[in-house]
Amino acid sequence: MDGRGGPGAGHRPGRRARARRPRTLRALAVAPLLAASLLTACGGEQTAGRPTLNWYNFPDDSGALQKAADTCSKASGGRYTISYHKLPRTADGQRQQLVRRLAAQDSSLDILGLDVTWSPEFAEAGWIRPWTGAARREAVADTLRVPLRTATWQGKLYAAPYNTNTQLLWYRDDLVPKPPRTWAEMLDIARRLAAEGKPHYVEIQGAQYEGLTVWFNSLVTSAGGSILTPDATAPSLGPPAVRAAQIMHDLATSPAADPSLSNQMEDENRLAMESGTAAFEINYPFVYPSMKTNNPRLFRHFRWAPYPRVDADRPSHATIGGIDLAVARYSRHPDEAFEAALCLRNRENQLAAALQGGLPPTLRSLYSDPALRKSYPFSGVVLDALETASIRPQTPAYQNVSIAISHALSPPSGIAPVSSVSEASEQIRQALRSEGLVP
C-alpha cells in the first residue's frame, strides 16, 4: 500500500488466544539490523527547552501533513513541537525502516504512521503502546467501526485510525450508461464493447504484489468467505476462495484484460483509464482528481459505482486501506505523543487531508460536511463501502501471508482455481507456523 492507503485494512472483534510471535518475523526484523547501521533521527530532541515529537508517516506531497504538524505544535501552547519525517514511498520501505529502528529500541521515534496491516505485528513485538483511558475514548469517538478493527489486536486498541481508503468501480458513461452490479455482468459488457471495436478493458491490479492480495481478499469476502479462520491460526480457503480465483482467471483470459495486466498496479490502471483504452477501472478515489486534471474531455464521462458483487444477491466487501497512528514503545514522551496523535487526526486535520491530499477520513461526521461533499461527490458511496468493508487477514505474520497469496495467484491468467487455492492454502499454513521459505 502506498501513502494513499491503497493496497492500504481484520477482522473479528473481541479477544483471541494470544499467538506466539513468529520466529521468522523476529529474524527478519533483527537480521537487517546486524547488516546496517541504525538510521539517526532527523531533528533534535529538544527545541528551545521543549521536547520535539518525531512523527514518521508516509510522504505527503499535498502539504496537509506538514500543516497538521505545525497546527498541533502551536496548539500545544509551547509544550512540544511536532517534527514530521517522511518515510520511503513504498509500504515495504516504510515498514523496513520502522522495524529496524524499533528492534533497536530507538527512543527518537514517537508517533508512527502504520499501514492498516501492521498493528498485530508491531503489538506482538512490543513496539507500540496500547491506547487506554481518556486517550482511547477520544480515539474511538465518532470513528468508523471497520477502520477501528484494523487498529485493534487481542481486544486492545494499539493505534488511532488517521485516514482510510476503499476501492470503487469507475466507468465511462459514454460507453456504459448503467454500471454493472456483478463481475460477470461487467465482463459481459467488456466482451460486447470489444466486439464493437470500442474501449473495453477492465483496469485492475494484477502485478505480483500487495494489490493482488487485496483483489483476492475483496473477492473472497464478497463470496462469503475469509482467508483465515476466526482465530487467525489457519487458512480458511474453501469454495469462496475457489470462486474468487475463478473470477480472477476469467477476467485475465477475456477481452477485458489489459495486455499488461500482470504488471499493473494502481498508477498504471489510472494512466490506462486516462488514455481512453478502458471502459472500467477498479481503483481508489485518487483517480477522480487525476482524471479531472489530465483528461478533462473524458472526465465529463467519468463516473463511479459500488465495488462489483460476486453474487447479485450478496453485498460486496471491498478491502480497506489507510494509515493508523501509534505511539512508539520507546518514546521518551509518551503522554505528549498520545495527545499530539489525537490532534493530528482531529476533525480539522482529517478534513484538510481529505481536501488537499485525497485521503478519505475515518470520522463518520465528516461525511456530512458540505466541504467534503463538494470535493468528494462520491463520498456517500465511499461511506457505504466503508460500512461494509473487509480488512486483510489480521495476524503478526501478515507480510508472509500476503506474499504467499500473491505468489500463488500470479500471473492471474495462469490461475488454475482449485490447485492455485490449494497452493496458497499450504503456503499460508507454513507462514503462520513460521515454516518453509517465503516465495
Protein backbone atom coordinates (compact mmCIF):
# COMPACT_ATOMS: atom_id res chain seq x y z
CA MET A 1 0.00 0.00 0.00
CA ASP A 2 1.21 3.49 -0.76
CA GLY A 3 0.58 6.76 1.03
CA ARG A 4 -2.94 6.97 -0.34
CA GLY A 5 -3.86 3.99 1.74
CA GLY A 6 -4.27 1.71 -1.18
CA PRO A 7 -3.26 -1.86 -1.00
CA GLY A 8 -3.97 0.23 2.42
CA ALA A 9 -7.12 -2.93 6.21
CA GLY A 10 -9.24 -7.65 10.22
CA HIS A 11 -11.23 -8.65 11.47
CA ARG A 12 -13.06 -10.45 14.13
CA PRO A 13 -13.75 -8.13 17.07
CA GLY A 14 -13.12 -9.43 20.56
CA ARG A 15 -10.28 -11.40 22.08
CA ARG A 16 -8.28 -14.18 20.54
CA ALA A 17 -5.94 -16.69 22.05
CA ARG A 18 -2.58 -14.98 22.16
CA ALA A 19 -0.46 -16.15 19.24
CA ARG A 20 3.21 -16.92 19.66
CA ARG A 21 5.46 -14.39 17.99
CA PRO A 22 6.66 -15.95 14.73
CA ARG A 23 10.36 -16.76 14.80
CA THR A 24 10.60 -15.88 11.13
CA LEU A 25 9.34 -12.35 11.69
CA ARG A 26 11.75 -11.77 14.54
CA ALA A 27 14.60 -12.98 12.36
CA LEU A 28 13.52 -10.71 9.54
CA ALA A 29 13.40 -7.76 11.91
CA VAL A 30 16.78 -8.33 13.52
CA ALA A 31 18.86 -9.62 10.61
CA PRO A 32 18.84 -6.38 8.60
CA LEU A 33 19.78 -4.56 11.77
CA LEU A 34 23.00 -6.52 12.01
CA ALA A 35 23.86 -5.60 8.44
CA ALA A 36 23.05 -1.90 8.55
CA SER A 37 23.74 0.87 11.00
CA LEU A 38 20.80 2.46 12.73
CA LEU A 39 19.35 5.46 10.97
CA THR A 40 19.67 8.59 13.04
CA ALA A 41 16.64 10.70 13.79
CA CYS A 42 16.13 13.92 11.91
CA GLY A 43 15.84 16.91 14.19
CA GLY A 44 16.91 17.38 17.76
CA GLU A 45 15.42 16.01 20.95
CA GLN A 46 14.81 19.47 22.37
CA THR A 47 13.75 22.71 20.71
CA ALA A 48 14.08 25.83 22.84
CA GLY A 49 13.64 23.81 26.02
CA ARG A 50 10.60 21.82 24.86
CA PRO A 51 10.60 18.26 23.51
CA THR A 52 10.40 17.51 19.82
CA LEU A 53 7.99 14.72 18.97
CA ASN A 54 9.12 12.89 15.85
CA TRP A 55 6.22 11.83 13.64
CA TYR A 56 7.09 9.27 10.96
CA ASN A 57 4.50 8.87 8.24
CA PHE A 58 4.11 8.30 4.51
CA PRO A 59 5.49 11.03 2.24
CA ASP A 60 2.69 13.53 1.65
CA ASP A 61 3.17 15.96 -1.24
CA SER A 62 -0.01 17.96 -0.63
CA GLY A 63 1.30 19.80 2.42
CA ALA A 64 -1.61 18.61 4.59
CA LEU A 65 0.54 16.58 6.99
CA GLN A 66 3.12 19.31 7.48
CA LYS A 67 0.33 21.79 8.12
CA ALA A 68 -1.18 19.43 10.71
CA ALA A 69 2.18 19.12 12.47
CA ASP A 70 2.57 22.91 12.55
CA THR A 71 -1.00 23.49 13.74
CA CYS A 72 -0.77 20.90 16.52
CA SER A 73 2.64 22.20 17.62
CA LYS A 74 1.09 25.64 18.04
CA ALA A 75 -1.98 24.18 19.79
CA SER A 76 0.27 22.60 22.43
CA GLY A 77 0.95 26.04 23.85
CA GLY A 78 4.69 25.57 23.62
CA ARG A 79 4.79 22.25 25.50
CA TYR A 80 6.14 20.36 22.47
CA THR A 81 6.96 20.64 18.78
CA ILE A 82 5.94 18.00 16.23
CA SER A 83 8.50 17.24 13.54
CA TYR A 84 7.07 15.43 10.51
CA HIS A 85 9.51 12.97 8.89
CA LYS A 86 8.72 11.37 5.54
CA LEU A 87 9.15 7.61 5.30
CA PRO A 88 10.04 5.94 1.97
CA ARG A 89 7.48 5.89 -0.84
CA THR A 90 6.73 2.19 -0.76
CA ALA A 91 4.97 0.38 2.08
CA ASP A 92 7.79 -2.19 2.20
CA GLY A 93 10.36 0.58 2.58
CA GLN A 94 8.30 2.27 5.29
CA ARG A 95 7.93 -0.94 7.28
CA GLN A 96 11.60 -1.84 6.91
CA GLN A 97 12.79 1.48 8.32
CA LEU A 98 10.40 1.35 11.28
CA VAL A 99 11.14 -2.31 12.06
CA ARG A 100 14.89 -1.77 12.07
CA ARG A 101 14.71 1.17 14.41
CA LEU A 102 12.10 -0.27 16.75
CA ALA A 103 14.00 -3.55 17.02
CA ALA A 104 16.97 -1.46 18.21
CA GLN A 105 14.74 0.31 20.79
CA ASP A 106 15.29 3.69 19.12
CA SER A 107 13.88 6.28 21.52
CA SER A 108 13.74 9.03 18.88
CA LEU A 109 10.55 7.56 17.37
CA ASP A 110 7.41 8.98 18.96
CA ILE A 111 4.39 8.84 16.62
CA LEU A 112 4.22 6.21 13.89
CA GLY A 113 2.02 6.12 10.80
CA LEU A 114 1.28 2.40 10.38
CA ASP A 115 -0.21 0.67 7.39
CA VAL A 116 -3.51 -0.89 8.46
CA THR A 117 -1.99 -4.38 8.31
CA TRP A 118 0.89 -3.72 10.73
CA SER A 119 -0.74 -3.32 14.16
CA PRO A 120 -0.76 -7.05 15.07
CA GLU A 121 2.92 -7.48 14.17
CA PHE A 122 4.05 -4.31 15.97
CA ALA A 123 1.88 -5.05 19.00
CA GLU A 124 3.14 -8.64 19.32
CA ALA A 125 6.72 -7.41 19.11
CA GLY A 126 6.04 -4.92 21.91
CA TRP A 127 6.94 -1.93 19.73
CA ILE A 128 3.79 0.17 20.22
CA ARG A 129 1.77 1.17 23.26
CA PRO A 130 -1.92 0.35 23.75
CA TRP A 131 -4.38 3.23 23.87
CA THR A 132 -6.15 3.38 27.25
CA GLY A 133 -8.27 5.71 29.35
CA ALA A 134 -9.25 9.13 28.05
CA ALA A 135 -6.95 8.89 25.02
CA ARG A 136 -8.67 5.69 23.92
CA ARG A 137 -12.14 7.15 24.43
CA GLU A 138 -11.27 10.14 22.29
CA ALA A 139 -9.68 7.96 19.59
CA VAL A 140 -12.81 5.80 19.37
CA ALA A 141 -15.37 8.61 19.43
CA ASP A 142 -17.01 9.19 16.01
CA THR A 143 -14.53 6.79 14.35
CA LEU A 144 -15.86 4.34 11.78
CA ARG A 145 -16.12 0.75 13.03
CA VAL A 146 -14.11 -1.07 10.36
CA PRO A 147 -11.04 1.21 10.49
CA LEU A 148 -11.03 0.71 14.26
CA ARG A 149 -10.80 -3.05 13.72
CA THR A 150 -7.58 -2.59 11.76
CA ALA A 151 -6.02 -0.87 14.78
CA THR A 152 -7.17 -3.50 17.29
CA TRP A 153 -5.28 -6.64 18.32
CA GLN A 154 -6.22 -9.16 21.02
CA GLY A 155 -9.02 -6.88 22.19
CA LYS A 156 -6.75 -3.84 22.71
CA LEU A 157 -6.57 -0.66 20.65
CA TYR A 158 -2.99 -0.09 19.51
CA ALA A 159 -3.47 2.83 17.12
CA ALA A 160 -5.89 5.60 16.20
CA PRO A 161 -7.21 5.47 12.61
CA TYR A 162 -5.88 8.53 10.77
CA ASN A 163 -7.25 8.01 7.27
CA THR A 164 -8.90 5.20 5.38
CA ASN A 165 -9.47 4.17 1.78
CA THR A 166 -11.53 1.86 -0.34
CA GLN A 167 -11.85 0.96 -3.98
CA LEU A 168 -14.82 1.81 -6.15
CA LEU A 169 -15.83 0.84 -9.67
CA TRP A 170 -15.05 3.72 -12.05
CA TYR A 171 -16.53 3.67 -15.53
CA ARG A 172 -17.28 5.75 -18.63
CA ASP A 173 -20.95 6.55 -19.05
CA ASP A 174 -20.48 7.27 -22.76
CA LEU A 175 -19.68 3.56 -23.13
CA VAL A 176 -21.67 2.12 -20.24
CA PRO A 177 -24.86 4.10 -19.45
CA LYS A 178 -25.66 1.86 -16.47
CA PRO A 179 -22.86 0.42 -14.29
CA PRO A 180 -22.74 -3.35 -13.79
CA ARG A 181 -23.58 -4.79 -10.38
CA THR A 182 -21.57 -8.01 -10.65
CA TRP A 183 -18.21 -9.15 -12.03
CA ALA A 184 -19.98 -11.43 -14.52
CA GLU A 185 -22.10 -8.57 -15.82
CA MET A 186 -19.02 -6.35 -16.15
CA LEU A 187 -17.15 -9.00 -18.16
CA ASP A 188 -20.16 -9.46 -20.45
CA ILE A 189 -20.23 -5.71 -21.15
CA ALA A 190 -16.48 -5.69 -21.81
CA ARG A 191 -16.85 -8.53 -24.33
CA ARG A 192 -19.65 -6.67 -26.11
CA LEU A 193 -17.63 -3.45 -26.28
CA ALA A 194 -14.63 -5.38 -27.61
CA ALA A 195 -16.80 -6.93 -30.35
CA GLU A 196 -17.94 -3.42 -31.30
CA GLY A 197 -14.34 -2.19 -31.51
CA LYS A 198 -14.75 0.21 -28.57
CA PRO A 199 -12.58 0.75 -25.45
CA HIS A 200 -13.32 -2.24 -23.26
CA TYR A 201 -10.54 -3.03 -20.76
CA VAL A 202 -11.23 -3.55 -17.05
CA GLU A 203 -8.23 -2.00 -15.28
CA ILE A 204 -7.29 -3.88 -12.11
CA GLN A 205 -4.15 -4.55 -10.06
CA GLY A 206 -2.69 -7.78 -11.46
CA ALA A 207 1.01 -7.49 -10.62
CA GLN A 208 2.60 -9.83 -8.07
CA TYR A 209 2.38 -7.53 -5.05
CA GLU A 210 0.04 -6.41 -2.30
CA GLY A 211 -2.59 -5.16 -4.75
CA LEU A 212 -3.16 -8.71 -6.00
CA THR A 213 -3.75 -9.87 -2.42
CA VAL A 214 -6.25 -7.03 -1.96
CA TRP A 215 -8.14 -8.08 -5.11
CA PHE A 216 -8.31 -11.69 -3.91
CA ASN A 217 -9.34 -10.71 -0.38
CA SER A 218 -12.16 -8.50 -1.66
CA LEU A 219 -13.48 -11.30 -3.86
CA VAL A 220 -13.22 -13.97 -1.15
CA THR A 221 -15.08 -11.89 1.43
CA SER A 222 -17.65 -10.81 -1.18
CA ALA A 223 -18.26 -14.51 -1.88
CA GLY A 224 -18.97 -15.10 1.81
CA GLY A 225 -15.59 -16.48 2.88
CA SER A 226 -12.38 -15.42 4.58
CA ILE A 227 -8.69 -16.09 4.10
CA LEU A 228 -8.02 -17.12 7.73
CA THR A 229 -10.06 -18.87 10.40
CA PRO A 230 -11.69 -16.64 13.06
CA ASP A 231 -8.79 -17.22 15.46
CA ALA A 232 -6.27 -16.47 12.67
CA THR A 233 -4.35 -19.71 13.26
CA ALA A 234 -5.03 -21.48 9.95
CA PRO A 235 -6.12 -20.81 6.36
CA SER A 236 -9.82 -20.90 5.61
CA LEU A 237 -9.74 -21.09 1.82
CA GLY A 238 -12.78 -23.08 0.79
CA PRO A 239 -15.33 -22.71 -2.04
CA PRO A 240 -15.46 -18.87 -1.77
CA ALA A 241 -11.72 -18.72 -2.45
CA VAL A 242 -12.06 -21.01 -5.46
CA ARG A 243 -14.88 -18.79 -6.72
CA ALA A 244 -12.65 -15.73 -6.27
CA ALA A 245 -9.76 -17.36 -8.12
CA GLN A 246 -12.11 -18.31 -10.96
CA ILE A 247 -13.24 -14.69 -11.39
CA MET A 248 -9.62 -13.52 -11.49
CA HIS A 249 -8.78 -16.16 -14.11
CA ASP A 250 -11.90 -15.39 -16.16
CA LEU A 251 -11.05 -11.69 -16.34
CA ALA A 252 -7.38 -12.30 -17.13
CA THR A 253 -8.22 -14.62 -20.04
CA SER A 254 -11.00 -12.48 -21.51
CA PRO A 255 -11.01 -9.46 -23.85
CA ALA A 256 -11.46 -7.34 -20.70
CA ALA A 257 -7.83 -7.93 -19.70
CA ASP A 258 -5.34 -5.19 -20.43
CA PRO A 259 -2.31 -6.79 -22.16
CA SER A 260 -0.12 -5.56 -19.30
CA LEU A 261 -2.45 -6.83 -16.55
CA SER A 262 0.19 -9.00 -14.90
CA ASN A 263 2.44 -5.94 -14.42
CA GLN A 264 -0.16 -3.37 -13.46
CA MET A 265 -0.52 -1.51 -10.17
CA GLU A 266 -2.84 1.35 -9.18
CA ASP A 267 -1.00 4.08 -11.07
CA GLU A 268 -0.75 2.04 -14.28
CA ASN A 269 -4.52 1.47 -14.04
CA ARG A 270 -5.07 5.21 -13.64
CA LEU A 271 -2.93 6.06 -16.65
CA ALA A 272 -4.61 3.45 -18.83
CA MET A 273 -8.06 4.78 -17.97
CA GLU A 274 -6.94 8.33 -18.68
CA SER A 275 -5.53 7.25 -22.05
CA GLY A 276 -9.01 6.21 -23.19
CA THR A 277 -8.40 2.48 -23.74
CA ALA A 278 -10.52 1.24 -20.82
CA ALA A 279 -14.20 1.20 -20.01
CA PHE A 280 -13.83 0.23 -16.34
CA GLU A 281 -11.35 0.69 -13.52
CA ILE A 282 -11.22 -0.76 -10.00
CA ASN A 283 -9.26 1.80 -8.01
CA TYR A 284 -9.10 4.30 -5.16
CA PRO A 285 -10.63 7.81 -5.22
CA PHE A 286 -7.32 9.49 -6.12
CA VAL A 287 -8.18 8.71 -9.75
CA TYR A 288 -11.01 11.27 -9.74
CA PRO A 289 -8.97 14.49 -9.38
CA SER A 290 -6.30 12.97 -11.61
CA MET A 291 -8.76 12.39 -14.46
CA LYS A 292 -10.15 15.89 -13.96
CA THR A 293 -6.68 17.38 -14.40
CA ASN A 294 -5.20 15.09 -17.04
CA ASN A 295 -8.14 14.42 -19.36
CA PRO A 296 -10.96 16.97 -18.98
CA ARG A 297 -12.72 15.58 -22.05
CA LEU A 298 -13.04 12.08 -20.60
CA PHE A 299 -13.69 13.49 -17.13
CA ARG A 300 -17.14 14.57 -18.35
CA HIS A 301 -17.98 10.88 -18.69
CA PHE A 302 -16.09 9.57 -15.63
CA ARG A 303 -18.49 8.03 -13.14
CA TRP A 304 -18.38 5.82 -10.06
CA ALA A 305 -20.35 2.91 -8.59
CA PRO A 306 -20.00 0.40 -5.73
CA TYR A 307 -17.39 -2.35 -5.93
CA PRO A 308 -18.82 -5.17 -8.08
CA ARG A 309 -20.57 -8.07 -6.40
CA VAL A 310 -19.66 -11.71 -6.78
CA ASP A 311 -23.33 -12.72 -6.45
CA ALA A 312 -26.19 -10.38 -7.35
CA ASP A 313 -27.97 -11.08 -4.06
CA ARG A 314 -24.89 -10.70 -1.80
CA PRO A 315 -23.29 -7.30 -0.99
CA SER A 316 -19.67 -6.75 -1.96
CA HIS A 317 -16.98 -6.19 0.67
CA ALA A 318 -14.13 -4.13 -0.74
CA THR A 319 -10.87 -4.26 1.23
CA ILE A 320 -9.98 -1.03 3.00
CA GLY A 321 -6.58 0.60 3.29
CA GLY A 322 -5.35 3.55 5.29
CA ILE A 323 -2.97 4.69 7.98
CA ASP A 324 -3.29 4.29 11.78
CA LEU A 325 -1.30 6.41 14.25
CA ALA A 326 0.56 4.55 17.00
CA VAL A 327 2.82 5.68 19.85
CA ALA A 328 6.23 4.03 19.89
CA ARG A 329 7.08 1.92 22.95
CA TYR A 330 10.47 3.58 23.44
CA SER A 331 9.33 7.20 23.11
CA ARG A 332 10.65 9.39 25.93
CA HIS A 333 7.45 11.45 25.80
CA PRO A 334 4.52 9.02 25.52
CA ASP A 335 1.92 11.24 27.20
CA GLU A 336 2.68 14.11 24.84
CA ALA A 337 2.78 11.69 21.89
CA PHE A 338 -0.73 10.40 22.59
CA GLU A 339 -2.01 13.96 22.89
CA ALA A 340 -0.29 15.01 19.69
CA ALA A 341 -1.55 11.98 17.75
CA LEU A 342 -5.12 12.84 18.73
CA CYS A 343 -4.59 16.37 17.45
CA LEU A 344 -3.04 15.18 14.18
CA ARG A 345 -6.11 13.07 13.39
CA ASN A 346 -8.76 15.50 14.68
CA ARG A 347 -11.65 16.75 12.58
CA GLU A 348 -9.86 19.80 11.18
CA ASN A 349 -6.77 17.89 10.12
CA GLN A 350 -8.66 14.92 8.68
CA LEU A 351 -10.77 17.29 6.59
CA ALA A 352 -7.64 19.05 5.33
CA ALA A 353 -6.03 15.70 4.45
CA ALA A 354 -9.16 14.73 2.53
CA LEU A 355 -9.49 18.01 0.63
CA GLN A 356 -5.79 18.56 -0.06
CA GLY A 357 -4.42 15.02 -0.16
CA GLY A 358 -7.42 12.98 -1.27
CA LEU A 359 -7.40 10.77 1.83
CA PRO A 360 -10.87 9.64 2.98
CA PRO A 361 -11.43 10.43 6.69
CA THR A 362 -12.15 7.94 9.45
CA LEU A 363 -14.54 10.25 11.34
CA ARG A 364 -18.13 9.47 10.42
CA SER A 365 -19.41 13.04 10.95
CA LEU A 366 -17.10 14.41 8.25
CA TYR A 367 -19.04 12.56 5.56
CA SER A 368 -21.90 15.02 6.05
CA ASP A 369 -19.60 18.05 5.90
CA PRO A 370 -20.52 20.30 2.93
CA ALA A 371 -16.86 20.90 2.05
CA LEU A 372 -16.17 17.18 1.79
CA ARG A 373 -19.32 16.50 -0.18
CA LYS A 374 -18.40 19.22 -2.68
CA SER A 375 -14.87 17.88 -3.18
CA TYR A 376 -15.97 14.23 -2.95
CA PRO A 377 -19.27 13.96 -4.86
CA PHE A 378 -18.89 10.20 -4.39
CA SER A 379 -18.46 10.47 -0.59
CA GLY A 380 -21.77 8.71 0.04
CA VAL A 381 -20.66 5.68 -1.98
CA VAL A 382 -17.32 5.68 -0.14
CA LEU A 383 -19.06 5.76 3.25
CA ASP A 384 -21.38 2.92 2.26
CA ALA A 385 -18.36 0.87 1.16
CA LEU A 386 -16.53 1.58 4.41
CA GLU A 387 -19.52 0.47 6.47
CA THR A 388 -19.40 -2.99 4.90
CA ALA A 389 -15.69 -3.17 4.07
CA SER A 390 -13.45 -6.14 4.68
CA ILE A 391 -9.96 -5.98 6.12
CA ARG A 392 -6.96 -8.11 5.27
CA PRO A 393 -6.00 -11.15 7.36
CA GLN A 394 -5.17 -9.89 10.84
CA THR A 395 -2.06 -11.71 12.02
CA PRO A 396 1.52 -10.82 13.03
CA ALA A 397 2.58 -12.95 10.06
CA TYR A 398 0.61 -10.86 7.56
CA GLN A 399 3.61 -9.90 5.41
CA ASN A 400 4.39 -13.54 4.69
CA VAL A 401 0.73 -14.44 4.24
CA SER A 402 0.32 -11.70 1.63
CA ILE A 403 3.44 -12.80 -0.24
CA ALA A 404 2.18 -16.40 -0.29
CA ILE A 405 -1.15 -15.31 -1.81
CA SER A 406 0.30 -13.05 -4.47
CA HIS A 407 2.85 -15.72 -5.42
CA ALA A 408 0.24 -18.46 -5.79
CA LEU A 409 -2.08 -16.29 -7.91
CA SER A 410 0.46 -14.71 -10.24
CA PRO A 411 0.01 -14.22 -13.11
CA PRO A 412 -3.80 -14.14 -12.99
CA SER A 413 -4.02 -15.70 -16.45
CA GLY A 414 -2.19 -18.77 -15.12
CA ILE A 415 -4.55 -19.38 -12.22
CA ALA A 416 -5.99 -22.88 -12.01
CA PRO A 417 -8.66 -22.13 -9.39
CA VAL A 418 -8.62 -25.37 -7.37
CA SER A 419 -4.88 -26.08 -7.46
CA SER A 420 -3.85 -22.42 -7.08
CA VAL A 421 -6.02 -22.04 -3.99
CA SER A 422 -4.63 -25.29 -2.61
CA GLU A 423 -1.08 -23.99 -3.13
CA ALA A 424 -1.94 -20.68 -1.47
CA SER A 425 -3.51 -22.50 1.46
CA GLU A 426 -0.40 -24.61 2.08
CA GLN A 427 1.91 -21.62 1.85
CA ILE A 428 -0.29 -19.64 4.24
CA ARG A 429 -0.23 -22.55 6.69
CA GLN A 430 3.56 -22.57 6.59
CA ALA A 431 3.70 -18.77 7.02
CA LEU A 432 1.50 -18.94 10.13
CA ARG A 433 3.71 -21.68 11.60
CA SER A 434 6.97 -19.92 10.62
CA GLU A 435 7.85 -22.91 8.47
CA GLY A 436 9.25 -23.15 4.97
CA LEU A 437 10.63 -20.34 2.87
CA VAL A 438 8.88 -17.17 1.76
CA PRO A 439 8.25 -17.49 -2.02
